């Protein structure tokens, strides 16, 4: 049995291809790991606030010196980190917005990237503290970005691999549903992606 954290970032709800692909990944995981529990954090419906000065100040205030205002400022971050640490598997829906990730997903990354909490420089070098996790990215795009002339414009997967890897999550697998806005690929894009999920050895 596994604890699965499902991160939703698409604003398109049931019409979202990243949500549909995430759903296929989770369905497969529940088949492989019967009885697993899924917790969903829908960043589109309940976005985390973008970081402001009071939150950053609270992050860098020692825990024993934090005021009630400090605690209120980082409450969202504390909850997000707690969810992350409790999970065995993280599934992240990643629609490609203007070549990058949605701002709500960037805000989530900002809330979980915490010095002394999810990463450390204690030994003089960066060390990720979020370990023993498996991450699946469900990337959706209107064009083709896994290869070809548009590949260099995909800043979503490199950013997530870099930032999550920095926090210790280096075991990352990416599935893509792409070409959904291209007539020659639109009908086959999702079935192809779901097929790749079903063939994958989880």
Protein backbone atom coordinates (compact mmCIF):
# COMPACT_ATOMS: atom_id res chain seq x y z
CA UNK A 1 0.00 0.00 0.00
CA UNK A 2 1.29 3.43 -0.96
CA UNK A 3 0.40 7.01 -0.12
CA UNK A 4 -0.09 8.88 -3.40
CA UNK A 5 -0.11 12.68 -3.58
CA UNK A 6 -1.91 13.97 -6.68
CA UNK A 7 -1.00 17.55 -7.60
CA UNK A 8 -3.47 19.21 -9.99
CA UNK A 9 -2.44 22.46 -11.66
CA UNK A 10 -4.62 22.75 -14.77
CA UNK A 11 -7.36 25.38 -14.89
CA UNK A 12 -9.40 23.27 -17.35
CA UNK A 13 -10.91 20.80 -14.89
CA UNK A 14 -12.47 17.74 -16.49
CA UNK A 15 -11.38 18.97 -19.94
CA UNK A 16 -7.73 18.95 -18.92
CA UNK A 17 -5.44 16.51 -20.70
CA UNK A 18 -2.90 16.65 -17.88
CA UNK A 19 -5.66 15.69 -15.44
CA UNK A 20 -6.74 12.82 -17.68
CA UNK A 21 -3.17 11.58 -17.96
CA UNK A 22 -2.64 11.90 -14.20
CA UNK A 23 -5.85 9.91 -13.73
CA UNK A 24 -4.50 7.12 -15.95
CA UNK A 25 -1.25 7.04 -13.95
CA UNK A 26 -3.12 6.87 -10.65
CA UNK A 27 -5.45 4.15 -11.95
CA UNK A 28 -2.41 2.08 -12.91
CA UNK A 29 -0.76 2.71 -9.53
CA UNK A 30 -3.91 1.57 -7.72
CA UNK A 31 -3.82 -1.61 -9.75
CA UNK A 32 -0.18 -2.24 -8.94
CA UNK A 33 -0.53 -1.19 -5.28
CA UNK A 34 -4.05 -2.22 -4.17
CA UNK A 35 -5.40 -0.35 -1.16
CA UNK A 36 -3.23 2.71 -1.74
CA UNK A 37 -4.57 6.06 -0.59
CA UNK A 38 -4.74 9.08 -2.88
CA UNK A 39 -4.67 12.64 -1.57
CA UNK A 40 -5.39 15.36 -4.12
CA UNK A 41 -4.22 18.94 -3.84
CA UNK A 42 -6.04 20.91 -6.53
CA UNK A 43 -3.99 24.05 -6.99
CA UNK A 44 -6.41 25.38 -9.61
CA UNK A 45 -9.34 25.35 -7.19
CA UNK A 46 -7.35 26.25 -4.07
CA UNK A 47 -4.17 28.03 -5.16
CA UNK A 48 -1.40 28.66 -2.70
CA UNK A 49 -0.56 32.35 -2.32
CA UNK A 50 2.48 33.59 -4.20
CA UNK A 51 5.33 34.27 -1.82
CA UNK A 52 5.48 37.70 -0.22
CA UNK A 53 7.84 39.34 2.21
CA UNK A 54 6.05 38.22 5.37
CA UNK A 55 6.22 34.57 4.34
CA UNK A 56 9.87 34.74 3.40
CA UNK A 57 10.67 36.49 6.70
CA UNK A 58 8.84 33.74 8.58
CA UNK A 59 10.74 31.01 6.72
CA UNK A 60 14.04 32.43 7.93
CA UNK A 61 12.92 33.06 11.51
CA UNK A 62 13.96 30.24 13.88
CA UNK A 63 10.93 28.15 14.85
CA UNK A 64 11.22 29.01 18.54
CA UNK A 65 11.15 32.73 17.74
CA UNK A 66 8.19 32.76 15.37
CA UNK A 67 5.25 34.93 16.32
CA UNK A 68 1.62 34.00 15.65
CA UNK A 69 1.80 36.19 12.54
CA UNK A 70 4.81 34.20 11.36
CA UNK A 71 2.96 30.94 11.96
CA UNK A 72 -0.06 32.19 10.03
CA UNK A 73 2.17 33.31 7.16
CA UNK A 74 3.69 29.86 6.67
CA UNK A 75 0.66 27.73 7.47
CA UNK A 76 0.08 26.90 3.79
CA UNK A 77 3.71 25.96 3.35
CA UNK A 78 3.73 23.77 6.44
CA UNK A 79 0.68 21.87 5.16
CA UNK A 80 2.16 21.42 1.69
CA UNK A 81 5.46 20.14 3.10
CA UNK A 82 3.64 17.77 5.47
CA UNK A 83 1.67 16.29 2.54
CA UNK A 84 4.83 15.91 0.50
CA UNK A 85 6.79 14.22 3.26
CA UNK A 86 3.96 11.79 3.98
CA UNK A 87 3.67 10.65 0.35
CA UNK A 88 5.46 7.68 -1.19
CA UNK A 89 4.49 8.65 -4.74
CA UNK A 90 3.81 12.10 -6.19
CA UNK A 91 1.84 12.50 -9.41
CA UNK A 92 1.99 16.01 -10.86
CA UNK A 93 -0.27 17.19 -13.67
CA UNK A 94 1.72 19.66 -15.78
CA UNK A 95 -0.05 21.54 -18.56
CA UNK A 96 2.42 23.50 -20.65
CA UNK A 97 1.46 27.18 -20.37
CA UNK A 98 3.53 29.51 -22.53
CA UNK A 99 6.42 26.99 -22.54
CA UNK A 100 6.46 26.67 -18.75
CA UNK A 101 4.45 25.47 -15.78
CA UNK A 102 1.28 27.18 -14.48
CA UNK A 103 1.93 29.86 -11.90
CA UNK A 104 -0.04 27.90 -9.31
CA UNK A 105 2.40 25.01 -9.68
CA UNK A 106 5.36 27.37 -9.36
CA UNK A 107 3.80 28.70 -6.16
CA UNK A 108 3.57 25.13 -4.82
CA UNK A 109 7.26 24.59 -5.57
CA UNK A 110 8.06 27.85 -3.78
CA UNK A 111 6.14 26.69 -0.71
CA UNK A 112 7.84 23.29 -0.51
CA UNK A 113 11.38 24.56 -1.17
CA UNK A 114 12.39 25.34 2.40
CA UNK A 115 15.95 25.75 3.65
CA UNK A 116 16.49 23.54 6.66
CA UNK A 117 13.23 21.70 5.99
CA UNK A 118 13.33 20.19 2.49
CA UNK A 119 16.95 20.99 1.68
CA UNK A 120 20.06 21.81 3.65
CA UNK A 121 23.52 23.30 3.29
CA UNK A 122 24.60 21.86 6.64
CA UNK A 123 27.66 20.15 5.19
CA UNK A 124 28.61 23.06 2.96
CA UNK A 125 26.93 21.61 -0.10
CA UNK A 126 23.24 21.40 -1.01
CA UNK A 127 21.50 18.26 0.16
CA UNK A 128 17.92 17.37 -0.64
CA UNK A 129 15.92 16.16 2.35
CA UNK A 130 12.85 14.86 0.51
CA UNK A 131 14.05 11.34 -0.20
CA UNK A 132 12.64 7.90 -1.00
CA UNK A 133 9.92 9.34 -3.23
CA UNK A 134 8.82 8.38 -6.73
CA UNK A 135 7.56 11.21 -8.95
CA UNK A 136 5.49 10.97 -12.10
CA UNK A 137 4.99 14.01 -14.31
CA UNK A 138 1.90 14.05 -16.54
CA UNK A 139 2.82 16.71 -19.10
CA UNK A 140 0.21 17.94 -21.58
CA UNK A 141 0.85 20.25 -24.51
CA UNK A 142 -0.86 21.45 -27.66
CA UNK A 143 2.31 20.95 -29.69
CA UNK A 144 5.13 18.42 -29.75
CA UNK A 145 7.88 19.22 -27.26
CA UNK A 146 9.46 15.85 -26.51
CA UNK A 147 11.45 16.08 -29.73
CA UNK A 148 11.85 18.20 -32.82
CA UNK A 149 12.18 21.97 -33.31
CA UNK A 150 10.03 22.91 -30.29
CA UNK A 151 11.92 20.76 -27.79
CA UNK A 152 14.17 23.61 -26.64
CA UNK A 153 11.09 25.66 -25.70
CA UNK A 154 9.89 23.19 -23.08
CA UNK A 155 10.92 24.79 -19.81
CA UNK A 156 8.41 22.82 -17.73
CA UNK A 157 10.05 19.41 -17.45
CA UNK A 158 13.62 20.75 -17.00
CA UNK A 159 12.44 23.13 -14.27
CA UNK A 160 10.58 20.42 -12.36
CA UNK A 161 13.39 17.89 -12.71
CA UNK A 162 15.87 20.50 -11.51
CA UNK A 163 13.88 21.92 -8.61
CA UNK A 164 12.45 18.63 -7.35
CA UNK A 165 15.82 16.94 -7.80
CA UNK A 166 17.44 19.67 -5.72
CA UNK A 167 15.01 18.76 -2.93
CA UNK A 168 16.01 15.09 -3.17
CA UNK A 169 13.35 13.78 -5.56
CA UNK A 170 15.53 12.38 -8.32
CA UNK A 171 13.46 9.35 -9.33
CA UNK A 172 11.23 11.10 -11.87
CA UNK A 173 9.37 9.58 -14.80
CA UNK A 174 7.63 11.74 -17.41
CA UNK A 175 4.61 10.78 -19.47
CA UNK A 176 3.37 13.13 -22.19
CA UNK A 177 0.11 13.71 -23.96
CA UNK A 178 1.19 16.06 -26.73
CA UNK A 179 -0.01 17.44 -30.00
CA UNK A 180 -3.56 17.82 -28.69
CA UNK A 181 -4.00 21.04 -30.71
CA UNK A 182 -2.58 19.57 -33.91
CA UNK A 183 -5.24 18.04 -36.22
CA UNK A 184 -3.01 15.15 -37.22
CA UNK A 185 -2.40 14.13 -33.59
CA UNK A 186 -5.40 15.40 -31.61
CA UNK A 187 -7.47 12.20 -31.76
CA UNK A 188 -4.61 9.83 -31.00
CA UNK A 189 -2.67 11.89 -28.45
CA UNK A 190 -4.47 10.78 -25.29
CA UNK A 191 -4.92 7.10 -26.25
CA UNK A 192 -1.22 6.96 -27.14
CA UNK A 193 -0.21 8.47 -23.79
CA UNK A 194 -2.53 6.20 -21.80
CA UNK A 195 -1.14 3.22 -23.71
CA UNK A 196 2.37 4.19 -22.67
CA UNK A 197 1.23 4.38 -19.05
CA UNK A 198 -0.39 0.95 -19.22
CA UNK A 199 2.74 -0.58 -20.77
CA UNK A 200 5.08 0.97 -18.20
CA UNK A 201 6.51 -1.26 -15.48
CA UNK A 202 5.52 0.64 -12.33
